[in-house]
Amino acid sequence: MRLDLFLKASRLVLRRSVAQELCEAGAVLVNGSPAKSSRSVNAGDELTLRRRRRLLTLRVLAVPAHKQTSRAEAPQLYQILSDTELAD
């Protein structure tokens, strides 16, 4: 599954276009490397999202079979490794 689709399906971002903008800005890392929105995501990958004053690191546990996931299924797709607030 594409990175932008995974971010939307996991409900880490609200819209796919926002996920694409984050990737273009270099705010999304996959296994420590900046990633394009078209990059493939697999179980076991480590994602780092930088949004405003927050740095979220997570591990992909599962990739959904469909683009649409329910609100209850979304948190089961990843495990949060760290969630830190960044200083100004």
PDB file of N, CA and C in Angstrom:
ATOM      1  N   MET A   1       0.841  -1.170   0.000  1.00  0.00           N
ATOM      2  CA  MET A   1       0.000   0.000   0.000  1.00  0.00           C
ATOM      3  C   MET A   1       0.893   1.242   0.000  1.00  0.00           C
ATOM      4  N   ARG A   2       0.472   2.264  -0.728  1.00  0.00           N
ATOM      5  CA  ARG A   2       1.202   3.521  -0.786  1.00  0.00           C
ATOM      6  C   ARG A   2       1.226   4.197   0.581  1.00  0.00           C
ATOM      7  N   LEU A   3       2.275   4.954   0.837  1.00  0.00           N
ATOM      8  CA  LEU A   3       2.433   5.642   2.111  1.00  0.00           C
ATOM      9  C   LEU A   3       1.282   6.607   2.385  1.00  0.00           C
ATOM     10  N   ASP A   4       0.915   7.415   1.394  1.00  0.00           N
ATOM     11  CA  ASP A   4      -0.165   8.380   1.614  1.00  0.00           C
ATOM     12  C   ASP A   4      -1.496   7.679   1.904  1.00  0.00           C
ATOM     13  N   LEU A   5      -1.747   6.565   1.247  1.00  0.00           N
ATOM     14  CA  LEU A   5      -2.973   5.806   1.510  1.00  0.00           C
ATOM     15  C   LEU A   5      -2.950   5.178   2.901  1.00  0.00           C
ATOM     16  N   PHE A   6      -1.777   4.705   3.329  1.00  0.00           N
ATOM     17  CA  PHE A   6      -1.673   4.126   4.670  1.00  0.00           C
ATOM     18  C   PHE A   6      -1.927   5.182   5.743  1.00  0.00           C
ATOM     19  N   LEU A   7      -1.345   6.362   5.566  1.00  0.00           N
ATOM     20  CA  LEU A   7      -1.540   7.426   6.550  1.00  0.00           C
ATOM     21  C   LEU A   7      -3.010   7.810   6.672  1.00  0.00           C
ATOM     22  N   LYS A   8      -3.713   7.817   5.555  1.00  0.00           N
ATOM     23  CA  LYS A   8      -5.144   8.122   5.591  1.00  0.00           C
ATOM     24  C   LYS A   8      -5.935   6.959   6.187  1.00  0.00           C
ATOM     25  N   ALA A   9      -5.650   5.730   5.763  1.00  0.00           N
ATOM     26  CA  ALA A   9      -6.384   4.558   6.248  1.00  0.00           C
ATOM     27  C   ALA A   9      -6.186   4.362   7.748  1.00  0.00           C
ATOM     28  N   SER A  10      -4.998   4.684   8.241  1.00  0.00           N
ATOM     29  CA  SER A  10      -4.717   4.525   9.668  1.00  0.00           C
ATOM     30  C   SER A  10      -5.229   5.712  10.477  1.00  0.00           C
ATOM     31  N   ARG A  11      -5.763   6.698   9.789  1.00  0.00           N
ATOM     32  CA  ARG A  11      -6.317   7.905  10.397  1.00  0.00           C
ATOM     33  C   ARG A  11      -5.272   8.745  11.133  1.00  0.00           C
ATOM     34  N   LEU A  12      -4.023   8.640  10.694  1.00  0.00           N
ATOM     35  CA  LEU A  12      -2.973   9.500  11.236  1.00  0.00           C
ATOM     36  C   LEU A  12      -3.066  10.892  10.622  1.00  0.00           C
ATOM     37  N   VAL A  13      -3.607  10.975   9.415  1.00  0.00           N
ATOM     38  CA  VAL A  13      -3.936  12.250   8.777  1.00  0.00           C
ATOM     39  C   VAL A  13      -5.369  12.134   8.250  1.00  0.00           C
ATOM     40  N   LEU A  14      -6.027  13.270   8.130  1.00  0.00           N
ATOM     41  CA  LEU A  14      -7.443  13.241   7.754  1.00  0.00           C
ATOM     42  C   LEU A  14      -7.686  13.056   6.261  1.00  0.00           C
ATOM     43  N   ARG A  15      -6.783  13.609   5.434  1.00  0.00           N
ATOM     44  CA  ARG A  15      -6.974  13.536   3.990  1.00  0.00           C
ATOM     45  C   ARG A  15      -5.694  13.089   3.307  1.00  0.00           C
ATOM     46  N   ARG A  16      -5.863  12.422   2.177  1.00  0.00           N
ATOM     47  CA  ARG A  16      -4.720  11.940   1.414  1.00  0.00           C
ATOM     48  C   ARG A  16      -3.868  13.101   0.915  1.00  0.00           C
ATOM     49  N   SER A  17      -4.497  14.199   0.544  1.00  0.00           N
ATOM     50  CA  SER A  17      -3.748  15.355   0.052  1.00  0.00           C
ATOM     51  C   SER A  17      -2.836  15.921   1.151  1.00  0.00           C
ATOM     52  N   VAL A  18      -3.288  15.875   2.396  1.00  0.00           N
ATOM     53  CA  VAL A  18      -2.458  16.332   3.510  1.00  0.00           C
ATOM     54  C   VAL A  18      -1.261  15.393   3.670  1.00  0.00           C
ATOM     55  N   ALA A  19      -1.490  14.099   3.535  1.00  0.00           N
ATOM     56  CA  ALA A  19      -0.402  13.117   3.621  1.00  0.00           C
ATOM     57  C   ALA A  19       0.626  13.365   2.519  1.00  0.00           C
ATOM     58  N   GLN A  20       0.165  13.663   1.318  1.00  0.00           N
ATOM     59  CA  GLN A  20       1.069  13.936   0.206  1.00  0.00           C
ATOM     60  C   GLN A  20       1.891  15.199   0.466  1.00  0.00           C
ATOM     61  N   GLU A  21       1.258  16.238   1.022  1.00  0.00           N
ATOM     62  CA  GLU A  21       1.969  17.475   1.327  1.00  0.00           C
ATOM     63  C   GLU A  21       3.036  17.247   2.398  1.00  0.00           C
ATOM     64  N   LEU A  22       2.725  16.441   3.407  1.00  0.00           N
ATOM     65  CA  LEU A  22       3.701  16.130   4.450  1.00  0.00           C
ATOM     66  C   LEU A  22       4.911  15.409   3.857  1.00  0.00           C
ATOM     67  N   CYS A  23       4.658  14.480   2.958  1.00  0.00           N
ATOM     68  CA  CYS A  23       5.751  13.742   2.310  1.00  0.00           C
ATOM     69  C   CYS A  23       6.613  14.668   1.465  1.00  0.00           C
ATOM     70  N   GLU A  24       5.981  15.546   0.694  1.00  0.00           N
ATOM     71  CA  GLU A  24       6.715  16.486  -0.156  1.00  0.00           C
ATOM     72  C   GLU A  24       7.571  17.438   0.672  1.00  0.00           C
ATOM     73  N   ALA A  25       7.099  17.773   1.877  1.00  0.00           N
ATOM     74  CA  ALA A  25       7.822  18.696   2.748  1.00  0.00           C
ATOM     75  C   ALA A  25       8.948  17.998   3.516  1.00  0.00           C
ATOM     76  N   GLY A  26       9.060  16.685   3.379  1.00  0.00           N
ATOM     77  CA  GLY A  26      10.097  15.942   4.087  1.00  0.00           C
ATOM     78  C   GLY A  26       9.761  15.663   5.539  1.00  0.00           C
ATOM     79  N   ALA A  27       8.488  15.772   5.891  1.00  0.00           N
ATOM     80  CA  ALA A  27       8.053  15.582   7.278  1.00  0.00           C
ATOM     81  C   ALA A  27       7.739  14.128   7.610  1.00  0.00           C
ATOM     82  N   VAL A  28       7.876  13.236   6.632  1.00  0.00           N
ATOM     83  CA  VAL A  28       7.604  11.815   6.866  1.00  0.00           C
ATOM     84  C   VAL A  28       8.860  11.016   6.532  1.00  0.00           C
ATOM     85  N   LEU A  29       9.302  10.232   7.500  1.00  0.00           N
ATOM     86  CA  LEU A  29      10.451   9.359   7.296  1.00  0.00           C
ATOM     87  C   LEU A  29       9.985   7.914   7.396  1.00  0.00           C
ATOM     88  N   VAL A  30      10.527   7.061   6.531  1.00  0.00           N
ATOM     89  CA  VAL A  30      10.257   5.628   6.603  1.00  0.00           C
ATOM     90  C   VAL A  30      11.602   4.951   6.819  1.00  0.00           C
ATOM     91  N   ASN A  31      11.720   4.270   7.925  1.00  0.00           N
ATOM     92  CA  ASN A  31      12.973   3.611   8.312  1.00  0.00           C
ATOM     93  C   ASN A  31      14.152   4.581   8.293  1.00  0.00           C
ATOM     94  N   GLY A  32      13.893   5.833   8.728  1.00  0.00           N
ATOM     95  CA  GLY A  32      14.954   6.831   8.845  1.00  0.00           C
ATOM     96  C   GLY A  32      15.265   7.629   7.601  1.00  0.00           C
ATOM     97  N   SER A  33      14.592   7.344   6.495  1.00  0.00           N
ATOM     98  CA  SER A  33      14.848   8.062   5.239  1.00  0.00           C
ATOM     99  C   SER A  33      13.610   8.832   4.801  1.00  0.00           C
ATOM    100  N   PRO A  34      13.802  10.050   4.270  1.00  0.00           N
ATOM    101  CA  PRO A  34      12.649  10.791   3.748  1.00  0.00           C
ATOM    102  C   PRO A  34      11.946   9.969   2.670  1.00  0.00           C
ATOM    103  N   ALA A  35      10.621  10.014   2.683  1.00  0.00           N
ATOM    104  CA  ALA A  35       9.864   9.158   1.765  1.00  0.00           C
ATOM    105  C   ALA A  35       8.883   9.955   0.930  1.00  0.00           C
ATOM    106  N   LYS A  36       8.737   9.520  -0.315  1.00  0.00           N
ATOM    107  CA  LYS A  36       7.719  10.084  -1.200  1.00  0.00           C
ATOM    108  C   LYS A  36       6.379   9.435  -0.862  1.00  0.00           C
ATOM    109  N   SER A  37       5.305  10.095  -1.246  1.00  0.00           N
ATOM    110  CA  SER A  37       3.968   9.586  -0.941  1.00  0.00           C
ATOM    111  C   SER A  37       3.668   8.271  -1.663  1.00  0.00           C
ATOM    112  N   SER A  38       4.382   7.996  -2.740  1.00  0.00           N
ATOM    113  CA  SER A  38       4.134   6.774  -3.508  1.00  0.00           C
ATOM    114  C   SER A  38       4.921   5.574  -2.987  1.00  0.00           C
ATOM    115  N   ARG A  39       5.751   5.780  -1.969  1.00  0.00           N
ATOM    116  CA  ARG A  39       6.567   4.682  -1.430  1.00  0.00           C
ATOM    117  C   ARG A  39       5.664   3.605  -0.841  1.00  0.00           C
ATOM    118  N   SER A  40       6.065   2.377  -1.020  1.00  0.00           N
ATOM    119  CA  SER A  40       5.297   1.244  -0.509  1.00  0.00           C
ATOM    120  C   SER A  40       5.573   1.064   0.986  1.00  0.00           C
ATOM    121  N   VAL A  41       4.513   0.798   1.751  1.00  0.00           N
ATOM    122  CA  VAL A  41       4.627   0.574   3.189  1.00  0.00           C
ATOM    123  C   VAL A  41       4.337  -0.890   3.478  1.00  0.00           C
ATOM    124  N   ASN A  42       5.179  -1.502   4.319  1.00  0.00           N
ATOM    125  CA  ASN A  42       5.005  -2.907   4.690  1.00  0.00           C
ATOM    126  C   ASN A  42       4.979  -3.035   6.202  1.00  0.00           C
ATOM    127  N   ALA A  43       4.431  -4.145   6.678  1.00  0.00           N
ATOM    128  CA  ALA A  43       4.440  -4.418   8.110  1.00  0.00           C
ATOM    129  C   ALA A  43       5.884  -4.471   8.591  1.00  0.00           C
ATOM    130  N   GLY A  44       6.149  -3.853   9.735  1.00  0.00           N
ATOM    131  CA  GLY A  44       7.499  -3.817  10.285  1.00  0.00           C
ATOM    132  C   GLY A  44       8.227  -2.517   9.999  1.00  0.00           C
ATOM    133  N   ASP A  45       7.738  -1.707   9.061  1.00  0.00           N
ATOM    134  CA  ASP A  45       8.374  -0.420   8.764  1.00  0.00           C
ATOM    135  C   ASP A  45       8.193   0.539   9.939  1.00  0.00           C
ATOM    136  N   GLU A  46       9.164   1.409  10.131  1.00  0.00           N
ATOM    137  CA  GLU A  46       9.089   2.425  11.179  1.00  0.00           C
ATOM    138  C   GLU A  46       8.864   3.778  10.518  1.00  0.00           C
ATOM    139  N   LEU A  47       7.778   4.444  10.905  1.00  0.00           N
ATOM    140  CA  LEU A  47       7.429   5.744  10.337  1.00  0.00           C
ATOM    141  C   LEU A  47       7.652   6.830  11.371  1.00  0.00           C
ATOM    142  N   THR A  48       8.142   7.968  10.917  1.00  0.00           N
ATOM    143  CA  THR A  48       8.277   9.139  11.776  1.00  0.00           C
ATOM    144  C   THR A  48       7.542  10.289  11.099  1.00  0.00           C
ATOM    145  N   LEU A  49       6.589  10.880  11.819  1.00  0.00           N
ATOM    146  CA  LEU A  49       5.804  12.001  11.315  1.00  0.00           C
ATOM    147  C   LEU A  49       6.134  13.240  12.122  1.00  0.00           C
ATOM    148  N   ARG A  50       6.484  14.322  11.436  1.00  0.00           N
ATOM    149  CA  ARG A  50       6.738  15.592  12.104  1.00  0.00           C
ATOM    150  C   ARG A  50       5.622  16.544  11.712  1.00  0.00           C
ATOM    151  N   ARG A  51       4.834  16.933  12.711  1.00  0.00           N
ATOM    152  CA  ARG A  51       3.715  17.843  12.468  1.00  0.00           C
ATOM    153  C   ARG A  51       3.734  18.939  13.507  1.00  0.00           C
ATOM    154  N   ARG A  52       3.818  20.148  13.050  1.00  0.00           N
ATOM    155  CA  ARG A  52       3.885  21.332  13.895  1.00  0.00           C
ATOM    156  C   ARG A  52       4.894  21.142  15.012  1.00  0.00           C
ATOM    157  N   ARG A  53       4.457  21.005  16.240  1.00  0.00           N
ATOM    158  CA  ARG A  53       5.382  20.879  17.371  1.00  0.00           C
ATOM    159  C   ARG A  53       5.342  19.472  17.960  1.00  0.00           C
ATOM    160  N   ARG A  54       5.171  18.479  17.108  1.00  0.00           N
ATOM    161  CA  ARG A  54       5.027  17.112  17.583  1.00  0.00           C
ATOM    162  C   ARG A  54       5.798  16.157  16.678  1.00  0.00           C
ATOM    163  N   LEU A  55       6.477  15.184  17.296  1.00  0.00           N
ATOM    164  CA  LEU A  55       7.213  14.168  16.554  1.00  0.00           C
ATOM    165  C   LEU A  55       6.662  12.808  16.980  1.00  0.00           C
ATOM    166  N   LEU A  56       6.076  12.102  16.035  1.00  0.00           N
ATOM    167  CA  LEU A  56       5.437  10.818  16.313  1.00  0.00           C
ATOM    168  C   LEU A  56       6.194   9.716  15.581  1.00  0.00           C
ATOM    169  N   THR A  57       6.656   8.720  16.322  1.00  0.00           N
ATOM    170  CA  THR A  57       7.342   7.572  15.740  1.00  0.00           C
ATOM    171  C   THR A  57       6.484   6.340  15.996  1.00  0.00           C
ATOM    172  N   LEU A  58       6.258   5.553  14.947  1.00  0.00           N
ATOM    173  CA  LEU A  58       5.411   4.369  15.088  1.00  0.00           C
ATOM    174  C   LEU A  58       5.914   3.234  14.222  1.00  0.00           C
ATOM    175  N   ARG A  59       5.484   2.030  14.552  1.00  0.00           N
ATOM    176  CA  ARG A  59       5.826   0.840  13.774  1.00  0.00           C
ATOM    177  C   ARG A  59       4.542   0.328  13.126  1.00  0.00           C
ATOM    178  N   VAL A  60       4.624   0.017  11.848  1.00  0.00           N
ATOM    179  CA  VAL A  60       3.485  -0.526  11.111  1.00  0.00           C
ATOM    180  C   VAL A  60       3.321  -1.995  11.509  1.00  0.00           C
ATOM    181  N   LEU A  61       2.150  -2.330  12.048  1.00  0.00           N
ATOM    182  CA  LEU A  61       1.874  -3.708  12.446  1.00  0.00           C
ATOM    183  C   LEU A  61       1.186  -4.485  11.335  1.00  0.00           C
ATOM    184  N   ALA A  62       0.328  -3.799  10.597  1.00  0.00           N
ATOM    185  CA  ALA A  62      -0.408  -4.454   9.512  1.00  0.00           C
ATOM    186  C   ALA A  62      -0.770  -3.419   8.458  1.00  0.00           C
ATOM    187  N   VAL A  63      -0.876  -3.875   7.243  1.00  0.00           N
ATOM    188  CA  VAL A  63      -1.307  -3.025   6.135  1.00  0.00           C
ATOM    189  C   VAL A  63      -2.722  -3.462   5.780  1.00  0.00           C
ATOM    190  N   PRO A  64      -3.683  -2.533   5.785  1.00  0.00           N
ATOM    191  CA  PRO A  64      -5.069  -2.927   5.508  1.00  0.00           C
ATOM    192  C   PRO A  64      -5.255  -3.413   4.075  1.00  0.00           C
ATOM    193  N   ALA A  65      -6.200  -4.311   3.911  1.00  0.00           N
ATOM    194  CA  ALA A  65      -6.487  -4.848   2.582  1.00  0.00           C
ATOM    195  C   ALA A  65      -7.270  -3.842   1.737  1.00  0.00           C
ATOM    196  N   HIS A  66      -7.975  -2.931   2.397  1.00  0.00           N
ATOM    197  CA  HIS A  66      -8.805  -1.949   1.697  1.00  0.00           C
ATOM    198  C   HIS A  66      -8.356  -0.537   2.054  1.00  0.00           C
ATOM    199  N   LYS A  67      -8.693   0.421   1.204  1.00  0.00           N
ATOM    200  CA  LYS A  67      -8.344   1.812   1.457  1.00  0.00           C
ATOM    201  C   LYS A  67      -9.140   2.377   2.630  1.00  0.00           C
ATOM    202  N   GLN A  68     -10.345   1.878   2.838  1.00  0.00           N
ATOM    203  CA  GLN A  68     -11.214   2.360   3.905  1.00  0.00           C
ATOM    204  C   GLN A  68     -11.095   1.452   5.126  1.00  0.00           C
ATOM    205  N   THR A  69     -10.861   2.041   6.287  1.00  0.00           N
ATOM    206  CA  THR A  69     -10.850   1.270   7.527  1.00  0.00           C
ATOM    207  C   THR A  69     -11.773   1.959   8.522  1.00  0.00           C
ATOM    208  N   SER A  70     -12.314   1.168   9.428  1.00  0.00           N
ATOM    209  CA  SER A  70     -13.203   1.746  10.422  1.00  0.00           C
ATOM    210  C   SER A  70     -12.387   2.432  11.508  1.00  0.00           C
ATOM    211  N   ARG A  71     -13.042   3.251  12.278  1.00  0.00           N
ATOM    212  CA  ARG A  71     -12.380   3.964  13.358  1.00  0.00           C
ATOM    213  C   ARG A  71     -11.819   2.979  14.390  1.00  0.00           C
ATOM    214  N   ALA A  72     -12.482   1.850  14.570  1.00  0.00           N
ATOM    215  CA  ALA A  72     -12.038   0.839  15.533  1.00  0.00           C
ATOM    216  C   ALA A  72     -10.823   0.056  15.014  1.00  0.00           C
ATOM    217  N   GLU A  73     -10.746  -0.167  13.706  1.00  0.00           N
ATOM    218  CA  GLU A  73      -9.645  -0.932  13.114  1.00  0.00           C
ATOM    219  C   GLU A  73      -8.358  -0.119  12.987  1.00  0.00           C
ATOM    220  N   ALA A  74      -8.468   1.176  12.802  1.00  0.00           N
ATOM    221  CA  ALA A  74      -7.305   2.028  12.510  1.00  0.00           C
ATOM    222  C   ALA A  74      -6.184   1.917  13.540  1.00  0.00           C
ATOM    223  N   PRO A  75      -6.439   1.986  14.853  1.00  0.00           N
ATOM    224  CA  PRO A  75      -5.328   1.912  15.818  1.00  0.00           C
ATOM    225  C   PRO A  75      -4.623   0.551  15.854  1.00  0.00           C
ATOM    226  N   GLN A  76      -5.228  -0.466  15.296  1.00  0.00           N
ATOM    227  CA  GLN A  76      -4.625  -1.795  15.275  1.00  0.00           C
ATOM    228  C   GLN A  76      -3.600  -1.941  14.152  1.00  0.00           C
ATOM    229  N   LEU A  77      -3.497  -0.940  13.287  1.00  0.00           N
ATOM    230  CA  LEU A  77      -2.571  -0.991  12.159  1.00  0.00           C
ATOM    231  C   LEU A  77      -1.153  -0.580  12.544  1.00  0.00           C
ATOM    232  N   TYR A  78      -0.994   0.089  13.692  1.00  0.00           N
ATOM    233  CA  TYR A  78       0.318   0.590  14.087  1.00  0.00           C
ATOM    234  C   TYR A  78       0.487   0.568  15.601  1.00  0.00           C
ATOM    235  N   GLN A  79       1.764   0.654  16.015  1.00  0.00           N
ATOM    236  CA  GLN A  79       2.119   0.738  17.425  1.00  0.00           C
ATOM    237  C   GLN A  79       2.935   2.010  17.612  1.00  0.00           C
ATOM    238  N   ILE A  80       2.523   2.864  18.521  1.00  0.00           N
ATOM    239  CA  ILE A  80       3.250   4.109  18.773  1.00  0.00           C
ATOM    240  C   ILE A  80       4.494   3.797  19.599  1.00  0.00           C
ATOM    241  N   LEU A  81       5.640   4.167  19.073  1.00  0.00           N
ATOM    242  CA  LEU A  81       6.911   3.965  19.763  1.00  0.00           C
ATOM    243  C   LEU A  81       7.276   5.177  20.619  1.00  0.00           C
ATOM    244  N   SER A  82       7.049   6.369  20.092  1.00  0.00           N
ATOM    245  CA  SER A  82       7.275   7.594  20.863  1.00  0.00           C
ATOM    246  C   SER A  82       6.418   8.724  20.310  1.00  0.00           C
ATOM    247  N   ASP A  83       6.035   9.602  21.205  1.00  0.00           N
ATOM    248  CA  ASP A  83       5.230  10.761  20.852  1.00  0.00           C
ATOM    249  C   ASP A  83       5.782  11.915  21.673  1.00  0.00           C
ATOM    250  N   THR A  84       6.614  12.752  21.050  1.00  0.00           N
ATOM    251  CA  THR A  84       7.278  13.822  21.787  1.00  0.00           C
ATOM    252  C   THR A  84       6.857  15.185  21.278  1.00  0.00           C
ATOM    253  N   GLU A  85       6.818  16.114  22.212  1.00  0.00           N
ATOM    254  CA  GLU A  85       6.519  17.512  21.903  1.00  0.00           C
ATOM    255  C   GLU A  85       7.836  18.208  21.615  1.00  0.00           C
ATOM    256  N   LEU A  86       7.900  18.932  20.521  1.00  0.00           N
ATOM    257  CA  LEU A  86       9.123  19.636  20.147  1.00  0.00           C
ATOM    258  C   LEU A  86       9.104  21.048  20.711  1.00  0.00           C
ATOM    259  N   ALA A  87      10.246  21.534  21.129  1.00  0.00           N
ATOM    260  CA  ALA A  87      10.373  22.906  21.619  1.00  0.00           C
ATOM    261  C   ALA A  87      10.383  23.861  20.435  1.00  0.00           C
ATOM    262  N   ASP A  88      10.076  25.096  20.702  1.00  0.00           N
ATOM    263  CA  ASP A  88      10.073  26.109  19.639  1.00  0.00           C
ATOM    264  C   ASP A  88      11.397  26.313  19.091  1.00  0.00           C
TER     265      ASP A  88
END
